[in-house]
């Protein structure tokens, strides 16, 4: 099997929530003076501001990964054109990066638009083989 651009984007999408987790770790250290690795979720629940938004962005990134994974698999198994699927996947990654930045920066309207764009890319991937 050839690893397509869409599959590489799937790997990037899997790394995004972990990257945002490191960002929330920075804010945990900044707000509390240390990172509690024994009970990180309890510490995350006490975050405020950008740290709280980083945790929310991470959670949403995990949720988006499930939909994107299914969309990439459906497009691939359904015989969609790999170039078109790659374009949709790259646009998804771009939208997710914008989403995360907007979440951290507290830009809710732009965040919602980037979410819609990313979800639209998933719909596009699902419909490509049709």
N, C-alpha and C. Protein backbone atom coordinates (compact mmCIF):
# COMPACT_ATOMS: atom_id res chain seq x y z
N UNK A 1 0.84 -1.18 0.00
CA UNK A 1 0.00 0.00 0.00
C UNK A 1 0.88 1.24 0.00
N UNK A 2 0.52 2.20 -0.79
CA UNK A 2 1.24 3.46 -0.86
C UNK A 2 0.67 4.40 0.21
N UNK A 3 1.57 5.03 0.95
CA UNK A 3 1.13 6.00 1.95
C UNK A 3 0.84 7.31 1.23
N UNK A 4 -0.42 7.68 1.21
CA UNK A 4 -0.85 8.87 0.49
C UNK A 4 -0.71 10.10 1.39
N UNK A 5 -0.87 11.27 0.78
CA UNK A 5 -0.84 12.52 1.54
C UNK A 5 -1.92 12.50 2.62
N UNK A 6 -3.08 11.96 2.30
CA UNK A 6 -4.17 11.90 3.29
C UNK A 6 -3.75 11.07 4.50
N UNK A 7 -3.01 9.99 4.27
CA UNK A 7 -2.54 9.19 5.41
C UNK A 7 -1.49 9.94 6.22
N UNK A 8 -0.61 10.69 5.56
CA UNK A 8 0.36 11.51 6.31
C UNK A 8 -0.38 12.56 7.13
N UNK A 9 -1.42 13.12 6.57
CA UNK A 9 -2.22 14.11 7.31
C UNK A 9 -2.91 13.46 8.50
N UNK A 10 -3.29 12.21 8.35
CA UNK A 10 -3.89 11.48 9.46
C UNK A 10 -2.89 11.35 10.62
N UNK A 11 -1.63 11.11 10.28
CA UNK A 11 -0.60 11.05 11.32
C UNK A 11 -0.45 12.41 12.00
N UNK A 12 -0.44 13.48 11.22
CA UNK A 12 -0.34 14.84 11.78
C UNK A 12 -1.53 15.11 12.69
N UNK A 13 -2.72 14.72 12.25
CA UNK A 13 -3.93 14.93 13.06
C UNK A 13 -3.85 14.17 14.38
N UNK A 14 -3.20 13.02 14.37
CA UNK A 14 -3.04 12.25 15.61
C UNK A 14 -2.04 12.90 16.55
N UNK A 15 -1.10 13.64 16.01
CA UNK A 15 -0.08 14.31 16.83
C UNK A 15 -0.60 15.64 17.40
N UNK A 16 -1.55 16.27 16.74
CA UNK A 16 -2.05 17.58 17.17
C UNK A 16 -2.56 17.59 18.62
N UNK A 17 -3.40 16.62 19.05
CA UNK A 17 -3.86 16.68 20.44
C UNK A 17 -2.72 16.55 21.45
N UNK A 18 -1.73 15.76 21.10
CA UNK A 18 -0.58 15.61 22.00
C UNK A 18 0.21 16.91 22.10
N UNK A 19 0.33 17.60 20.99
CA UNK A 19 1.02 18.88 20.98
C UNK A 19 0.28 19.91 21.83
N UNK A 20 -1.04 19.94 21.70
CA UNK A 20 -1.83 20.86 22.51
C UNK A 20 -1.75 20.48 23.98
N UNK A 21 -1.58 19.21 24.27
CA UNK A 21 -1.39 18.77 25.65
C UNK A 21 -0.13 19.39 26.25
N UNK A 22 0.92 19.48 25.47
CA UNK A 22 2.14 20.11 25.96
C UNK A 22 1.91 21.60 26.23
N UNK A 23 1.10 22.22 25.39
CA UNK A 23 0.76 23.63 25.60
C UNK A 23 0.00 23.79 26.91
N UNK A 24 -0.96 22.90 27.16
CA UNK A 24 -1.70 22.98 28.42
C UNK A 24 -0.78 22.70 29.60
N UNK A 25 0.23 21.85 29.40
CA UNK A 25 1.23 21.61 30.44
C UNK A 25 2.00 22.87 30.78
N UNK A 26 2.32 23.64 29.75
CA UNK A 26 2.99 24.93 29.98
C UNK A 26 2.12 25.81 30.86
N UNK A 27 0.83 25.89 30.55
CA UNK A 27 -0.07 26.73 31.33
C UNK A 27 -0.29 26.17 32.74
N UNK A 28 -0.29 24.85 32.89
CA UNK A 28 -0.39 24.27 34.24
C UNK A 28 0.81 24.69 35.07
N UNK A 29 1.99 24.61 34.47
CA UNK A 29 3.20 25.02 35.19
C UNK A 29 3.16 26.51 35.51
N UNK A 30 2.72 27.29 34.55
CA UNK A 30 2.66 28.74 34.74
C UNK A 30 1.66 29.12 35.84
N UNK A 31 0.49 28.47 35.86
CA UNK A 31 -0.55 28.83 36.81
C UNK A 31 -0.30 28.24 38.20
N UNK A 32 0.22 27.02 38.27
CA UNK A 32 0.34 26.33 39.55
C UNK A 32 1.78 26.18 40.05
N UNK A 33 2.75 26.55 39.21
CA UNK A 33 4.15 26.44 39.61
C UNK A 33 4.75 25.07 39.40
N UNK A 34 3.92 24.11 39.02
CA UNK A 34 4.39 22.75 38.72
C UNK A 34 3.34 22.02 37.91
N UNK A 35 3.74 20.94 37.30
CA UNK A 35 2.82 20.08 36.57
C UNK A 35 2.61 18.84 37.41
N UNK A 36 1.38 18.58 37.78
CA UNK A 36 1.04 17.39 38.56
C UNK A 36 0.80 16.24 37.61
N UNK A 37 1.80 15.38 37.47
CA UNK A 37 1.69 14.27 36.53
C UNK A 37 0.95 13.08 37.15
N UNK A 38 0.73 13.12 38.47
CA UNK A 38 -0.03 12.04 39.11
C UNK A 38 -1.53 12.23 38.89
N UNK A 39 -1.98 13.48 38.92
CA UNK A 39 -3.40 13.79 38.72
C UNK A 39 -3.54 14.95 37.72
N UNK A 40 -3.11 14.75 36.48
CA UNK A 40 -3.14 15.86 35.52
C UNK A 40 -4.55 16.34 35.19
N UNK A 41 -5.51 15.43 35.18
CA UNK A 41 -6.88 15.85 34.83
C UNK A 41 -7.48 16.71 35.93
N UNK A 42 -7.17 16.40 37.17
CA UNK A 42 -7.64 17.24 38.27
C UNK A 42 -7.02 18.63 38.17
N UNK A 43 -5.74 18.69 37.85
CA UNK A 43 -5.09 19.98 37.69
C UNK A 43 -5.64 20.72 36.47
N UNK A 44 -5.87 19.99 35.39
CA UNK A 44 -6.45 20.62 34.19
C UNK A 44 -7.80 21.25 34.50
N UNK A 45 -8.60 20.60 35.34
CA UNK A 45 -9.94 21.11 35.64
C UNK A 45 -9.89 22.42 36.43
N UNK A 46 -8.75 22.76 36.99
CA UNK A 46 -8.60 23.99 37.76
C UNK A 46 -8.00 25.13 36.94
N UNK A 47 -7.60 24.84 35.72
CA UNK A 47 -7.01 25.87 34.87
C UNK A 47 -8.04 26.95 34.52
N UNK A 48 -7.53 28.14 34.28
CA UNK A 48 -8.36 29.24 33.82
C UNK A 48 -7.71 29.86 32.59
N UNK A 49 -8.47 30.69 31.89
CA UNK A 49 -7.92 31.44 30.77
C UNK A 49 -7.41 30.56 29.64
N UNK A 50 -6.23 30.92 29.12
CA UNK A 50 -5.65 30.22 27.98
C UNK A 50 -5.38 28.75 28.29
N UNK A 51 -5.02 28.45 29.53
CA UNK A 51 -4.79 27.06 29.91
C UNK A 51 -6.05 26.23 29.81
N UNK A 52 -7.14 26.79 30.28
CA UNK A 52 -8.43 26.10 30.19
C UNK A 52 -8.82 25.90 28.73
N UNK A 53 -8.56 26.91 27.92
CA UNK A 53 -8.88 26.80 26.49
C UNK A 53 -7.97 25.78 25.80
N UNK A 54 -6.72 25.66 26.25
CA UNK A 54 -5.81 24.66 25.67
C UNK A 54 -6.33 23.25 25.94
N UNK A 55 -6.84 23.02 27.13
CA UNK A 55 -7.41 21.71 27.46
C UNK A 55 -8.62 21.44 26.58
N UNK A 56 -9.46 22.45 26.40
CA UNK A 56 -10.65 22.28 25.55
C UNK A 56 -10.24 22.02 24.10
N UNK A 57 -9.22 22.72 23.62
CA UNK A 57 -8.74 22.51 22.25
C UNK A 57 -8.18 21.10 22.09
N UNK A 58 -7.51 20.61 23.12
CA UNK A 58 -6.99 19.24 23.06
C UNK A 58 -8.15 18.24 22.99
N UNK A 59 -9.15 18.42 23.84
CA UNK A 59 -10.28 17.51 23.83
C UNK A 59 -10.99 17.51 22.48
N UNK A 60 -11.18 18.70 21.91
CA UNK A 60 -11.84 18.79 20.62
C UNK A 60 -10.97 18.17 19.52
N UNK A 61 -9.66 18.28 19.67
CA UNK A 61 -8.76 17.68 18.67
C UNK A 61 -8.88 16.16 18.67
N UNK A 62 -9.03 15.56 19.85
CA UNK A 62 -9.25 14.10 19.91
C UNK A 62 -10.58 13.75 19.23
N UNK A 63 -11.61 14.55 19.49
CA UNK A 63 -12.92 14.29 18.89
C UNK A 63 -12.87 14.42 17.38
N UNK A 64 -12.21 15.45 16.89
CA UNK A 64 -12.10 15.67 15.44
C UNK A 64 -11.29 14.55 14.78
N UNK A 65 -10.32 14.02 15.50
CA UNK A 65 -9.49 12.94 14.95
C UNK A 65 -10.35 11.73 14.58
N UNK A 66 -11.34 11.41 15.39
CA UNK A 66 -12.19 10.25 15.09
C UNK A 66 -12.94 10.44 13.77
N UNK A 67 -13.51 11.61 13.57
CA UNK A 67 -14.26 11.87 12.34
C UNK A 67 -13.31 11.90 11.14
N UNK A 68 -12.17 12.57 11.29
CA UNK A 68 -11.22 12.67 10.20
C UNK A 68 -10.67 11.29 9.82
N UNK A 69 -10.38 10.47 10.82
CA UNK A 69 -9.88 9.11 10.55
C UNK A 69 -10.87 8.32 9.71
N UNK A 70 -12.12 8.37 10.11
CA UNK A 70 -13.15 7.65 9.35
C UNK A 70 -13.26 8.21 7.93
N UNK A 71 -13.21 9.52 7.80
CA UNK A 71 -13.34 10.15 6.48
C UNK A 71 -12.18 9.74 5.56
N UNK A 72 -10.97 9.74 6.08
CA UNK A 72 -9.81 9.34 5.27
C UNK A 72 -9.94 7.88 4.85
N UNK A 73 -10.36 7.02 5.76
CA UNK A 73 -10.50 5.60 5.42
C UNK A 73 -11.60 5.38 4.38
N UNK A 74 -12.71 6.07 4.54
CA UNK A 74 -13.80 5.92 3.57
C UNK A 74 -13.36 6.39 2.19
N UNK A 75 -12.68 7.52 2.14
CA UNK A 75 -12.23 8.02 0.83
C UNK A 75 -11.24 7.06 0.20
N UNK A 76 -10.33 6.52 1.01
CA UNK A 76 -9.32 5.60 0.47
C UNK A 76 -9.95 4.29 0.02
N UNK A 77 -10.73 3.68 0.91
CA UNK A 77 -11.34 2.38 0.58
C UNK A 77 -12.38 2.50 -0.52
N UNK A 78 -12.99 3.68 -0.64
CA UNK A 78 -13.99 3.90 -1.68
C UNK A 78 -13.39 4.23 -3.03
N UNK A 79 -12.06 4.36 -3.09
CA UNK A 79 -11.40 4.60 -4.38
C UNK A 79 -11.38 6.05 -4.82
N UNK A 80 -11.46 6.97 -3.88
CA UNK A 80 -11.40 8.40 -4.24
C UNK A 80 -10.03 8.73 -4.82
N UNK A 81 -10.00 9.76 -5.65
CA UNK A 81 -8.75 10.23 -6.24
C UNK A 81 -7.80 10.65 -5.12
N UNK A 82 -6.61 10.06 -5.03
CA UNK A 82 -5.68 10.37 -3.94
C UNK A 82 -5.26 11.84 -3.90
N UNK A 83 -5.17 12.48 -5.05
CA UNK A 83 -4.79 13.90 -5.06
C UNK A 83 -5.87 14.77 -4.46
N UNK A 84 -7.12 14.50 -4.82
CA UNK A 84 -8.23 15.26 -4.24
C UNK A 84 -8.35 14.98 -2.75
N UNK A 85 -8.19 13.73 -2.37
CA UNK A 85 -8.26 13.37 -0.95
C UNK A 85 -7.12 14.04 -0.19
N UNK A 86 -5.95 14.09 -0.80
CA UNK A 86 -4.82 14.76 -0.16
C UNK A 86 -5.07 16.24 0.03
N UNK A 87 -5.70 16.87 -0.96
CA UNK A 87 -6.03 18.29 -0.85
C UNK A 87 -7.01 18.52 0.30
N UNK A 88 -8.05 17.70 0.37
CA UNK A 88 -9.03 17.84 1.45
C UNK A 88 -8.38 17.60 2.80
N UNK A 89 -7.48 16.63 2.88
CA UNK A 89 -6.81 16.32 4.14
C UNK A 89 -5.88 17.46 4.57
N UNK A 90 -5.16 18.04 3.62
CA UNK A 90 -4.28 19.16 3.96
C UNK A 90 -5.08 20.37 4.41
N UNK A 91 -6.21 20.60 3.76
CA UNK A 91 -7.08 21.70 4.18
C UNK A 91 -7.63 21.45 5.59
N UNK A 92 -7.95 20.19 5.87
CA UNK A 92 -8.40 19.84 7.23
C UNK A 92 -7.34 20.18 8.26
N UNK A 93 -6.10 19.79 7.99
CA UNK A 93 -5.00 20.07 8.93
C UNK A 93 -4.83 21.58 9.09
N UNK A 94 -4.88 22.32 8.01
CA UNK A 94 -4.76 23.78 8.10
C UNK A 94 -5.88 24.36 8.95
N UNK A 95 -7.10 23.89 8.73
CA UNK A 95 -8.24 24.37 9.50
C UNK A 95 -8.09 24.04 10.97
N UNK A 96 -7.58 22.85 11.26
CA UNK A 96 -7.39 22.45 12.67
C UNK A 96 -6.29 23.28 13.34
N UNK A 97 -5.25 23.61 12.61
CA UNK A 97 -4.20 24.46 13.19
C UNK A 97 -4.76 25.85 13.50
N UNK A 98 -5.55 26.39 12.57
CA UNK A 98 -6.18 27.69 12.80
C UNK A 98 -7.13 27.58 13.99
N UNK A 99 -7.87 26.49 14.08
CA UNK A 99 -8.80 26.26 15.18
C UNK A 99 -8.09 26.32 16.53
N UNK A 100 -6.98 25.62 16.63
CA UNK A 100 -6.23 25.58 17.89
C UNK A 100 -5.70 26.96 18.26
N UNK A 101 -5.12 27.64 17.29
CA UNK A 101 -4.59 28.99 17.55
C UNK A 101 -5.72 29.92 17.98
N UNK A 102 -6.84 29.85 17.29
CA UNK A 102 -7.97 30.71 17.64
C UNK A 102 -8.53 30.38 19.02
N UNK A 103 -8.54 29.10 19.37
CA UNK A 103 -9.01 28.71 20.70
C UNK A 103 -8.10 29.31 21.77
N UNK A 104 -6.80 29.15 21.58
CA UNK A 104 -5.85 29.69 22.56
C UNK A 104 -5.93 31.21 22.65
N UNK A 105 -6.17 31.86 21.52
CA UNK A 105 -6.24 33.32 21.47
C UNK A 105 -7.62 33.87 21.83
N UNK A 106 -8.56 32.98 22.14
CA UNK A 106 -9.92 33.37 22.54
C UNK A 106 -10.65 34.12 21.42
N UNK A 107 -10.48 33.64 20.20
CA UNK A 107 -11.16 34.20 19.02
C UNK A 107 -12.28 33.23 18.62
N UNK A 108 -13.39 33.32 19.33
CA UNK A 108 -14.44 32.32 19.18
C UNK A 108 -15.09 32.27 17.80
N UNK A 109 -15.32 33.41 17.18
CA UNK A 109 -15.97 33.40 15.86
C UNK A 109 -15.07 32.75 14.81
N UNK A 110 -13.79 33.12 14.81
CA UNK A 110 -12.85 32.51 13.86
C UNK A 110 -12.65 31.03 14.16
N UNK A 111 -12.67 30.70 15.45
CA UNK A 111 -12.53 29.30 15.85
C UNK A 111 -13.69 28.50 15.28
N UNK A 112 -14.90 29.03 15.38
CA UNK A 112 -16.07 28.32 14.86
C UNK A 112 -16.01 28.17 13.35
N UNK A 113 -15.55 29.20 12.66
CA UNK A 113 -15.41 29.12 11.20
C UNK A 113 -14.39 28.06 10.80
N UNK A 114 -13.28 28.00 11.53
CA UNK A 114 -12.26 27.00 11.20
C UNK A 114 -12.76 25.59 11.52
N UNK A 115 -13.57 25.47 12.56
CA UNK A 115 -14.17 24.16 12.87
C UNK A 115 -15.06 23.72 11.72
N UNK A 116 -15.90 24.63 11.25
CA UNK A 116 -16.81 24.32 10.14
C UNK A 116 -16.01 23.96 8.89
N UNK A 117 -14.94 24.68 8.62
CA UNK A 117 -14.10 24.37 7.46
C UNK A 117 -13.50 22.97 7.58
N UNK A 118 -12.98 22.63 8.75
CA UNK A 118 -12.40 21.30 8.96
C UNK A 118 -13.44 20.21 8.82
N UNK A 119 -14.61 20.44 9.40
CA UNK A 119 -15.68 19.45 9.30
C UNK A 119 -16.14 19.31 7.85
N UNK A 120 -16.17 20.44 7.13
CA UNK A 120 -16.51 20.40 5.71
C UNK A 120 -15.54 19.54 4.91
N UNK A 121 -14.26 19.60 5.27
CA UNK A 121 -13.26 18.75 4.61
C UNK A 121 -13.56 17.28 4.85
N UNK A 122 -14.00 16.96 6.07
CA UNK A 122 -14.36 15.57 6.37
C UNK A 122 -15.55 15.12 5.54
N UNK A 123 -16.55 15.97 5.43
CA UNK A 123 -17.72 15.65 4.59
C UNK A 123 -17.28 15.43 3.15
N UNK A 124 -16.39 16.31 2.68
CA UNK A 124 -15.86 16.18 1.32
C UNK A 124 -15.18 14.82 1.13
N UNK A 125 -14.36 14.44 2.10
CA UNK A 125 -13.69 13.13 2.02
C UNK A 125 -14.70 11.99 1.99
N UNK A 126 -15.73 12.09 2.82
CA UNK A 126 -16.76 11.03 2.83
C UNK A 126 -17.48 10.93 1.48
N UNK A 127 -17.69 12.06 0.83
CA UNK A 127 -18.46 12.08 -0.42
C UNK A 127 -17.63 11.80 -1.67
N UNK A 128 -16.32 11.88 -1.57
CA UNK A 128 -15.48 11.69 -2.77
C UNK A 128 -15.71 10.39 -3.52
N UNK A 129 -15.83 9.27 -2.83
CA UNK A 129 -16.02 8.03 -3.58
C UNK A 129 -17.41 7.88 -4.20
N UNK A 130 -18.35 8.71 -3.79
CA UNK A 130 -19.74 8.56 -4.27
C UNK A 130 -19.87 8.86 -5.74
